[in-house]
Amino acid sequence: MGFEEKMIMNGEPEDEEEEEEEEEDEEMVDPLETVRQKCAETEHCVHTMERLEQCETRVGSRSATTEDCTEELFDFLHARDHCVAHKLFHSVK
């Protein structure tokens, strides 16, 4: 059996390494995303998210408007990131 035939029958060794790397990547969880999700559920963040959703509904219902929801989006992101800033480094080692 030649080298090429062995590679076809056994598969390339690199394939196994790539699969192991993919499995390791799936197991890792970004602590930032976890903290962001928890912070988004706080009272202040929920309130700012509701204001953002109301704005999106209002803007989406109009056919001709210059209004956008930039301010509401920034308010939500600021509230969430303010919460994250206080909690993130406590979970990082």
PDB file of N, CA and C in Angstrom:
ATOM      1  N   MET A   1       0.846  -1.170   0.000  1.00  0.00           N
ATOM      2  CA  MET A   1       0.000   0.000   0.000  1.00  0.00           C
ATOM      3  C   MET A   1       0.896   1.240   0.000  1.00  0.00           C
ATOM      4  N   GLY A   2       0.581   2.172  -0.864  1.00  0.00           N
ATOM      5  CA  GLY A   2       1.383   3.375  -0.934  1.00  0.00           C
ATOM      6  C   GLY A   2       0.936   4.403   0.089  1.00  0.00           C
ATOM      7  N   PHE A   3       1.734   5.418   0.226  1.00  0.00           N
ATOM      8  CA  PHE A   3       1.457   6.486   1.199  1.00  0.00           C
ATOM      9  C   PHE A   3       0.128   7.180   0.922  1.00  0.00           C
ATOM     10  N   GLU A   4      -0.131   7.432  -0.360  1.00  0.00           N
ATOM     11  CA  GLU A   4      -1.381   8.116  -0.725  1.00  0.00           C
ATOM     12  C   GLU A   4      -2.601   7.269  -0.369  1.00  0.00           C
ATOM     13  N   GLU A   5      -2.508   5.956  -0.581  1.00  0.00           N
ATOM     14  CA  GLU A   5      -3.619   5.078  -0.271  1.00  0.00           C
ATOM     15  C   GLU A   5      -3.880   5.029   1.232  1.00  0.00           C
ATOM     16  N   LYS A   6      -2.800   5.033   2.018  1.00  0.00           N
ATOM     17  CA  LYS A   6      -2.949   5.040   3.471  1.00  0.00           C
ATOM     18  C   LYS A   6      -3.637   6.312   3.941  1.00  0.00           C
ATOM     19  N   MET A   7      -3.282   7.436   3.319  1.00  0.00           N
ATOM     20  CA  MET A   7      -3.885   8.710   3.702  1.00  0.00           C
ATOM     21  C   MET A   7      -5.370   8.711   3.364  1.00  0.00           C
ATOM     22  N   ILE A   8      -5.729   8.126   2.241  1.00  0.00           N
ATOM     23  CA  ILE A   8      -7.135   8.083   1.842  1.00  0.00           C
ATOM     24  C   ILE A   8      -7.922   7.193   2.792  1.00  0.00           C
ATOM     25  N   MET A   9      -7.350   6.041   3.150  1.00  0.00           N
ATOM     26  CA  MET A   9      -8.056   5.096   4.013  1.00  0.00           C
ATOM     27  C   MET A   9      -8.110   5.572   5.461  1.00  0.00           C
ATOM     28  N   ASN A  10      -7.038   6.150   5.937  1.00  0.00           N
ATOM     29  CA  ASN A  10      -6.953   6.543   7.337  1.00  0.00           C
ATOM     30  C   ASN A  10      -7.331   7.996   7.574  1.00  0.00           C
ATOM     31  N   GLY A  11      -7.412   8.770   6.549  1.00  0.00           N
ATOM     32  CA  GLY A  11      -7.677  10.192   6.725  1.00  0.00           C
ATOM     33  C   GLY A  11      -6.396  10.916   7.096  1.00  0.00           C
ATOM     34  N   GLU A  12      -6.407  12.187   6.910  1.00  0.00           N
ATOM     35  CA  GLU A  12      -5.221  12.966   7.237  1.00  0.00           C
ATOM     36  C   GLU A  12      -5.136  13.160   8.737  1.00  0.00           C
ATOM     37  N   PRO A  13      -3.930  13.081   9.300  1.00  0.00           N
ATOM     38  CA  PRO A  13      -3.782  13.279  10.745  1.00  0.00           C
ATOM     39  C   PRO A  13      -4.214  14.668  11.191  1.00  0.00           C
ATOM     40  N   GLU A  14      -4.121  15.637  10.318  1.00  0.00           N
ATOM     41  CA  GLU A  14      -4.500  16.998  10.663  1.00  0.00           C
ATOM     42  C   GLU A  14      -5.998  17.107  10.944  1.00  0.00           C
ATOM     43  N   ASP A  15      -6.808  16.277  10.284  1.00  0.00           N
ATOM     44  CA  ASP A  15      -8.249  16.310  10.491  1.00  0.00           C
ATOM     45  C   ASP A  15      -8.602  16.037  11.956  1.00  0.00           C
ATOM     46  N   GLU A  16      -7.935  15.072  12.569  1.00  0.00           N
ATOM     47  CA  GLU A  16      -8.213  14.729  13.954  1.00  0.00           C
ATOM     48  C   GLU A  16      -7.838  15.888  14.885  1.00  0.00           C
ATOM     49  N   GLU A  17      -6.699  16.533  14.584  1.00  0.00           N
ATOM     50  CA  GLU A  17      -6.269  17.659  15.409  1.00  0.00           C
ATOM     51  C   GLU A  17      -7.246  18.820  15.299  1.00  0.00           C
ATOM     52  N   GLU A  18      -7.742  19.073  14.097  1.00  0.00           N
ATOM     53  CA  GLU A  18      -8.698  20.156  13.893  1.00  0.00           C
ATOM     54  C   GLU A  18      -9.987  19.881  14.655  1.00  0.00           C
ATOM     55  N   GLU A  19     -10.443  18.620  14.650  1.00  0.00           N
ATOM     56  CA  GLU A  19     -11.670  18.276  15.366  1.00  0.00           C
ATOM     57  C   GLU A  19     -11.497  18.484  16.865  1.00  0.00           C
ATOM     58  N   GLU A  20     -10.321  18.114  17.397  1.00  0.00           N
ATOM     59  CA  GLU A  20     -10.060  18.307  18.815  1.00  0.00           C
ATOM     60  C   GLU A  20     -10.039  19.786  19.168  1.00  0.00           C
ATOM     61  N   GLU A  21      -9.444  20.614  18.300  1.00  0.00           N
ATOM     62  CA  GLU A  21      -9.392  22.054  18.537  1.00  0.00           C
ATOM     63  C   GLU A  21     -10.794  22.651  18.511  1.00  0.00           C
ATOM     64  N   GLU A  22     -11.648  22.190  17.583  1.00  0.00           N
ATOM     65  CA  GLU A  22     -13.014  22.688  17.499  1.00  0.00           C
ATOM     66  C   GLU A  22     -13.790  22.332  18.760  1.00  0.00           C
ATOM     67  N   GLU A  23     -13.593  21.113  19.287  1.00  0.00           N
ATOM     68  CA  GLU A  23     -14.279  20.700  20.504  1.00  0.00           C
ATOM     69  C   GLU A  23     -13.845  21.561  21.684  1.00  0.00           C
ATOM     70  N   GLU A  24     -12.562  21.888  21.756  1.00  0.00           N
ATOM     71  CA  GLU A  24     -12.064  22.723  22.836  1.00  0.00           C
ATOM     72  C   GLU A  24     -12.645  24.126  22.734  1.00  0.00           C
ATOM     73  N   ASP A  25     -12.772  24.642  21.507  1.00  0.00           N
ATOM     74  CA  ASP A  25     -13.333  25.972  21.314  1.00  0.00           C
ATOM     75  C   ASP A  25     -14.790  26.026  21.752  1.00  0.00           C
ATOM     76  N   GLU A  26     -15.541  24.963  21.502  1.00  0.00           N
ATOM     77  CA  GLU A  26     -16.948  24.940  21.870  1.00  0.00           C
ATOM     78  C   GLU A  26     -17.133  24.933  23.382  1.00  0.00           C
ATOM     79  N   GLU A  27     -16.201  24.327  24.108  1.00  0.00           N
ATOM     80  CA  GLU A  27     -16.322  24.223  25.547  1.00  0.00           C
ATOM     81  C   GLU A  27     -16.022  25.538  26.248  1.00  0.00           C
ATOM     82  N   MET A  28     -15.215  26.370  25.653  1.00  0.00           N
ATOM     83  CA  MET A  28     -14.836  27.627  26.281  1.00  0.00           C
ATOM     84  C   MET A  28     -16.005  28.608  26.243  1.00  0.00           C
ATOM     85  N   VAL A  29     -16.192  29.314  27.350  1.00  0.00           N
ATOM     86  CA  VAL A  29     -17.257  30.301  27.441  1.00  0.00           C
ATOM     87  C   VAL A  29     -16.613  31.635  27.769  1.00  0.00           C
ATOM     88  N   ASP A  30     -16.949  32.639  27.002  1.00  0.00           N
ATOM     89  CA  ASP A  30     -16.406  33.974  27.224  1.00  0.00           C
ATOM     90  C   ASP A  30     -17.082  34.571  28.455  1.00  0.00           C
ATOM     91  N   PRO A  31     -16.319  34.897  29.496  1.00  0.00           N
ATOM     92  CA  PRO A  31     -16.932  35.452  30.707  1.00  0.00           C
ATOM     93  C   PRO A  31     -17.611  36.798  30.448  1.00  0.00           C
ATOM     94  N   LEU A  32     -17.136  37.538  29.462  1.00  0.00           N
ATOM     95  CA  LEU A  32     -17.755  38.821  29.134  1.00  0.00           C
ATOM     96  C   LEU A  32     -19.199  38.625  28.675  1.00  0.00           C
ATOM     97  N   GLU A  33     -19.425  37.634  27.820  1.00  0.00           N
ATOM     98  CA  GLU A  33     -20.782  37.378  27.330  1.00  0.00           C
ATOM     99  C   GLU A  33     -21.702  36.942  28.466  1.00  0.00           C
ATOM    100  N   THR A  34     -21.192  36.134  29.362  1.00  0.00           N
ATOM    101  CA  THR A  34     -21.992  35.676  30.501  1.00  0.00           C
ATOM    102  C   THR A  34     -22.403  36.851  31.382  1.00  0.00           C
ATOM    103  N   VAL A  35     -21.455  37.722  31.691  1.00  0.00           N
ATOM    104  CA  VAL A  35     -21.742  38.878  32.538  1.00  0.00           C
ATOM    105  C   VAL A  35     -22.676  39.840  31.818  1.00  0.00           C
ATOM    106  N   ARG A  36     -22.500  40.018  30.500  1.00  0.00           N
ATOM    107  CA  ARG A  36     -23.404  40.902  29.742  1.00  0.00           C
ATOM    108  C   ARG A  36     -24.843  40.407  29.811  1.00  0.00           C
ATOM    109  N   GLN A  37     -25.031  39.104  29.689  1.00  0.00           N
ATOM    110  CA  GLN A  37     -26.384  38.543  29.749  1.00  0.00           C
ATOM    111  C   GLN A  37     -27.007  38.780  31.119  1.00  0.00           C
ATOM    112  N   LYS A  38     -26.228  38.567  32.169  1.00  0.00           N
ATOM    113  CA  LYS A  38     -26.747  38.783  33.519  1.00  0.00           C
ATOM    114  C   LYS A  38     -27.074  40.252  33.750  1.00  0.00           C
ATOM    115  N   CYS A  39     -26.212  41.149  33.269  1.00  0.00           N
ATOM    116  CA  CYS A  39     -26.445  42.578  33.451  1.00  0.00           C
ATOM    117  C   CYS A  39     -27.654  43.054  32.648  1.00  0.00           C
ATOM    118  N   ALA A  40     -27.873  42.482  31.485  1.00  0.00           N
ATOM    119  CA  ALA A  40     -29.015  42.874  30.662  1.00  0.00           C
ATOM    120  C   ALA A  40     -30.332  42.542  31.342  1.00  0.00           C
ATOM    121  N   GLU A  41     -30.301  41.665  32.329  1.00  0.00           N
ATOM    122  CA  GLU A  41     -31.507  41.266  33.050  1.00  0.00           C
ATOM    123  C   GLU A  41     -31.765  42.111  34.290  1.00  0.00           C
ATOM    124  N   THR A  42     -30.864  43.050  34.594  1.00  0.00           N
ATOM    125  CA  THR A  42     -31.084  43.908  35.759  1.00  0.00           C
ATOM    126  C   THR A  42     -32.187  44.908  35.468  1.00  0.00           C
ATOM    127  N   GLU A  43     -32.758  45.476  36.527  1.00  0.00           N
ATOM    128  CA  GLU A  43     -33.906  46.367  36.398  1.00  0.00           C
ATOM    129  C   GLU A  43     -33.626  47.568  35.493  1.00  0.00           C
ATOM    130  N   HIS A  44     -32.486  48.224  35.712  1.00  0.00           N
ATOM    131  CA  HIS A  44     -32.172  49.414  34.925  1.00  0.00           C
ATOM    132  C   HIS A  44     -31.971  49.073  33.449  1.00  0.00           C
ATOM    133  N   CYS A  45     -31.293  47.967  33.172  1.00  0.00           N
ATOM    134  CA  CYS A  45     -31.069  47.567  31.787  1.00  0.00           C
ATOM    135  C   CYS A  45     -32.364  47.145  31.099  1.00  0.00           C
ATOM    136  N   VAL A  46     -33.214  46.464  31.836  1.00  0.00           N
ATOM    137  CA  VAL A  46     -34.513  46.066  31.280  1.00  0.00           C
ATOM    138  C   VAL A  46     -35.324  47.305  30.915  1.00  0.00           C
ATOM    139  N   HIS A  47     -35.287  48.320  31.772  1.00  0.00           N
ATOM    140  CA  HIS A  47     -36.012  49.560  31.507  1.00  0.00           C
ATOM    141  C   HIS A  47     -35.481  50.246  30.240  1.00  0.00           C
ATOM    142  N   THR A  48     -34.165  50.339  30.107  1.00  0.00           N
ATOM    143  CA  THR A  48     -33.604  50.992  28.921  1.00  0.00           C
ATOM    144  C   THR A  48     -33.857  50.160  27.668  1.00  0.00           C
ATOM    145  N   MET A  49     -33.874  48.839  27.794  1.00  0.00           N
ATOM    146  CA  MET A  49     -34.184  47.984  26.649  1.00  0.00           C
ATOM    147  C   MET A  49     -35.633  48.168  26.220  1.00  0.00           C
ATOM    148  N   GLU A  50     -36.542  48.314  27.165  1.00  0.00           N
ATOM    149  CA  GLU A  50     -37.943  48.566  26.838  1.00  0.00           C
ATOM    150  C   GLU A  50     -38.095  49.878  26.079  1.00  0.00           C
ATOM    151  N   ARG A  51     -37.372  50.914  26.522  1.00  0.00           N
ATOM    152  CA  ARG A  51     -37.412  52.200  25.815  1.00  0.00           C
ATOM    153  C   ARG A  51     -36.876  52.050  24.391  1.00  0.00           C
ATOM    154  N   LEU A  52     -35.826  51.265  24.212  1.00  0.00           N
ATOM    155  CA  LEU A  52     -35.268  51.016  22.881  1.00  0.00           C
ATOM    156  C   LEU A  52     -36.275  50.277  22.003  1.00  0.00           C
ATOM    157  N   GLU A  53     -36.921  49.256  22.541  1.00  0.00           N
ATOM    158  CA  GLU A  53     -37.914  48.503  21.779  1.00  0.00           C
ATOM    159  C   GLU A  53     -39.122  49.363  21.409  1.00  0.00           C
ATOM    160  N   GLN A  54     -39.565  50.231  22.322  1.00  0.00           N
ATOM    161  CA  GLN A  54     -40.663  51.146  22.019  1.00  0.00           C
ATOM    162  C   GLN A  54     -40.279  52.080  20.885  1.00  0.00           C
ATOM    163  N   CYS A  55     -39.061  52.582  20.927  1.00  0.00           N
ATOM    164  CA  CYS A  55     -38.592  53.468  19.864  1.00  0.00           C
ATOM    165  C   CYS A  55     -38.538  52.732  18.529  1.00  0.00           C
ATOM    166  N   GLU A  56     -38.018  51.513  18.531  1.00  0.00           N
ATOM    167  CA  GLU A  56     -37.942  50.741  17.292  1.00  0.00           C
ATOM    168  C   GLU A  56     -39.330  50.471  16.722  1.00  0.00           C
ATOM    169  N   THR A  57     -40.279  50.194  17.590  1.00  0.00           N
ATOM    170  CA  THR A  57     -41.658  49.970  17.149  1.00  0.00           C
ATOM    171  C   THR A  57     -42.239  51.243  16.546  1.00  0.00           C
ATOM    172  N   ARG A  58     -42.013  52.365  17.231  1.00  0.00           N
ATOM    173  CA  ARG A  58     -42.521  53.651  16.760  1.00  0.00           C
ATOM    174  C   ARG A  58     -41.903  54.015  15.409  1.00  0.00           C
ATOM    175  N   VAL A  59     -40.605  53.873  15.282  1.00  0.00           N
ATOM    176  CA  VAL A  59     -39.928  54.231  14.033  1.00  0.00           C
ATOM    177  C   VAL A  59     -40.321  53.262  12.921  1.00  0.00           C
ATOM    178  N   GLY A  60     -40.465  51.989  13.244  1.00  0.00           N
ATOM    179  CA  GLY A  60     -40.839  50.996  12.247  1.00  0.00           C
ATOM    180  C   GLY A  60     -42.249  51.160  11.733  1.00  0.00           C
ATOM    181  N   SER A  61     -43.124  51.785  12.519  1.00  0.00           N
ATOM    182  CA  SER A  61     -44.517  51.951  12.102  1.00  0.00           C
ATOM    183  C   SER A  61     -44.717  53.151  11.186  1.00  0.00           C
ATOM    184  N   ARG A  62     -43.724  54.004  11.100  1.00  0.00           N
ATOM    185  CA  ARG A  62     -43.831  55.196  10.246  1.00  0.00           C
ATOM    186  C   ARG A  62     -43.106  54.952   8.933  1.00  0.00           C
ATOM    187  N   SER A  63     -43.709  55.485   7.866  1.00  0.00           N
ATOM    188  CA  SER A  63     -43.093  55.295   6.550  1.00  0.00           C
ATOM    189  C   SER A  63     -42.050  56.368   6.248  1.00  0.00           C
ATOM    190  N   ALA A  64     -42.270  57.571   6.731  1.00  0.00           N
ATOM    191  CA  ALA A  64     -41.317  58.651   6.465  1.00  0.00           C
ATOM    192  C   ALA A  64     -41.004  59.360   7.777  1.00  0.00           C
ATOM    193  N   THR A  65     -39.835  59.083   8.318  1.00  0.00           N
ATOM    194  CA  THR A  65     -39.428  59.723   9.556  1.00  0.00           C
ATOM    195  C   THR A  65     -37.918  59.882   9.565  1.00  0.00           C
ATOM    196  N   THR A  66     -37.464  60.919  10.219  1.00  0.00           N
ATOM    197  CA  THR A  66     -36.022  61.117  10.352  1.00  0.00           C
ATOM    198  C   THR A  66     -35.540  60.613  11.711  1.00  0.00           C
ATOM    199  N   GLU A  67     -36.498  60.182  12.535  1.00  0.00           N
ATOM    200  CA  GLU A  67     -36.141  59.704  13.869  1.00  0.00           C
ATOM    201  C   GLU A  67     -35.419  58.361  13.773  1.00  0.00           C
ATOM    202  N   ASP A  68     -34.395  58.216  14.589  1.00  0.00           N
ATOM    203  CA  ASP A  68     -33.768  56.915  14.755  1.00  0.00           C
ATOM    204  C   ASP A  68     -33.636  56.644  16.256  1.00  0.00           C
ATOM    205  N   CYS A  69     -33.174  55.503  16.611  1.00  0.00           N
ATOM    206  CA  CYS A  69     -33.145  55.109  18.020  1.00  0.00           C
ATOM    207  C   CYS A  69     -31.726  55.076  18.577  1.00  0.00           C
ATOM    208  N   THR A  70     -30.891  55.935  18.052  1.00  0.00           N
ATOM    209  CA  THR A  70     -29.493  55.961  18.471  1.00  0.00           C
ATOM    210  C   THR A  70     -29.356  56.284  19.952  1.00  0.00           C
ATOM    211  N   GLU A  71     -30.081  57.284  20.422  1.00  0.00           N
ATOM    212  CA  GLU A  71     -29.984  57.676  21.826  1.00  0.00           C
ATOM    213  C   GLU A  71     -30.403  56.534  22.747  1.00  0.00           C
ATOM    214  N   GLU A  72     -31.497  55.868  22.415  1.00  0.00           N
ATOM    215  CA  GLU A  72     -31.983  54.767  23.237  1.00  0.00           C
ATOM    216  C   GLU A  72     -31.008  53.586  23.225  1.00  0.00           C
ATOM    217  N   LEU A  73     -30.403  53.332  22.054  1.00  0.00           N
ATOM    218  CA  LEU A  73     -29.417  52.263  21.962  1.00  0.00           C
ATOM    219  C   LEU A  73     -28.211  52.568  22.834  1.00  0.00           C
ATOM    220  N   PHE A  74     -27.700  53.798  22.745  1.00  0.00           N
ATOM    221  CA  PHE A  74     -26.554  54.186  23.566  1.00  0.00           C
ATOM    222  C   PHE A  74     -26.892  54.144  25.050  1.00  0.00           C
ATOM    223  N   ASP A  75     -28.113  54.523  25.408  1.00  0.00           N
ATOM    224  CA  ASP A  75     -28.519  54.448  26.817  1.00  0.00           C
ATOM    225  C   ASP A  75     -28.479  53.012  27.321  1.00  0.00           C
ATOM    226  N   PHE A  76     -28.996  52.083  26.516  1.00  0.00           N
ATOM    227  CA  PHE A  76     -28.974  50.677  26.911  1.00  0.00           C
ATOM    228  C   PHE A  76     -27.547  50.156  27.019  1.00  0.00           C
ATOM    229  N   LEU A  77     -26.724  50.420  26.000  1.00  0.00           N
ATOM    230  CA  LEU A  77     -25.343  49.933  26.017  1.00  0.00           C
ATOM    231  C   LEU A  77     -24.559  50.521  27.184  1.00  0.00           C
ATOM    232  N   HIS A  78     -24.811  51.789  27.491  1.00  0.00           N
ATOM    233  CA  HIS A  78     -24.130  52.424  28.619  1.00  0.00           C
ATOM    234  C   HIS A  78     -24.543  51.761  29.940  1.00  0.00           C
ATOM    235  N   ALA A  79     -25.828  51.525  30.111  1.00  0.00           N
ATOM    236  CA  ALA A  79     -26.315  50.902  31.344  1.00  0.00           C
ATOM    237  C   ALA A  79     -25.747  49.494  31.497  1.00  0.00           C
ATOM    238  N   ARG A  80     -25.757  48.732  30.417  1.00  0.00           N
ATOM    239  CA  ARG A  80     -25.242  47.362  30.479  1.00  0.00           C
ATOM    240  C   ARG A  80     -23.736  47.353  30.734  1.00  0.00           C
ATOM    241  N   ASP A  81     -23.003  48.196  30.032  1.00  0.00           N
ATOM    242  CA  ASP A  81     -21.547  48.222  30.198  1.00  0.00           C
ATOM    243  C   ASP A  81     -21.140  48.755  31.569  1.00  0.00           C
ATOM    244  N   HIS A  82     -21.930  49.653  32.127  1.00  0.00           N
ATOM    245  CA  HIS A  82     -21.647  50.153  33.476  1.00  0.00           C
ATOM    246  C   HIS A  82     -21.761  49.001  34.478  1.00  0.00           C
ATOM    247  N   CYS A  83     -22.771  48.187  34.327  1.00  0.00           N
ATOM    248  CA  CYS A  83     -22.957  47.014  35.179  1.00  0.00           C
ATOM    249  C   CYS A  83     -21.816  46.024  34.957  1.00  0.00           C
ATOM    250  N   VAL A  84     -21.464  45.781  33.710  1.00  0.00           N
ATOM    251  CA  VAL A  84     -20.408  44.823  33.376  1.00  0.00           C
ATOM    252  C   VAL A  84     -19.076  45.259  33.979  1.00  0.00           C
ATOM    253  N   ALA A  85     -18.791  46.547  33.940  1.00  0.00           N
ATOM    254  CA  ALA A  85     -17.513  47.052  34.440  1.00  0.00           C
ATOM    255  C   ALA A  85     -17.322  46.722  35.913  1.00  0.00           C
ATOM    256  N   HIS A  86     -18.388  46.708  36.653  1.00  0.00           N
ATOM    257  CA  HIS A  86     -18.293  46.426  38.086  1.00  0.00           C
ATOM    258  C   HIS A  86     -18.217  44.930  38.393  1.00  0.00           C
ATOM    259  N   LYS A  87     -18.656  44.087  37.476  1.00  0.00           N
ATOM    260  CA  LYS A  87     -18.741  42.656  37.760  1.00  0.00           C
ATOM    261  C   LYS A  87     -17.703  41.808  37.024  1.00  0.00           C
ATOM    262  N   LEU A  88     -17.212  42.254  35.894  1.00  0.00           N
ATOM    263  CA  LEU A  88     -16.394  41.408  35.027  1.00  0.00           C
ATOM    264  C   LEU A  88     -15.106  40.975  35.692  1.00  0.00           C
ATOM    265  N   PHE A  89     -14.392  41.879  36.300  1.00  0.00           N
ATOM    266  CA  PHE A  89     -13.077  41.548  36.810  1.00  0.00           C
ATOM    267  C   PHE A  89     -13.115  40.710  38.087  1.00  0.00           C
ATOM    268  N   HIS A  90     -14.279  40.583  38.681  1.00  0.00           N
ATOM    269  CA  HIS A  90     -14.420  39.694  39.833  1.00  0.00           C
ATOM    270  C   HIS A  90     -14.471  38.233  39.369  1.00  0.00           C
ATOM    271  N   SER A  91     -14.892  38.009  38.109  1.00  0.00           N
ATOM    272  CA  SER A  91     -14.997  36.639  37.600  1.00  0.00           C
ATOM    273  C   SER A  91     -13.760  36.209  36.838  1.00  0.00           C
ATOM    274  N   VAL A  92     -12.864  37.132  36.520  1.00  0.00           N
ATOM    275  CA  VAL A  92     -11.649  36.811  35.793  1.00  0.00           C
ATOM    276  C   VAL A  92     -10.525  36.558  36.790  1.00  0.00           C
ATOM    277  N   LYS A  93      -9.783  35.500  36.561  1.00  0.00           N
ATOM    278  CA  LYS A  93      -8.691  35.154  37.464  1.00  0.00           C
ATOM    279  C   LYS A  93      -7.381  35.689  36.958  1.00  0.00           C
TER     280      LYS A  93
END
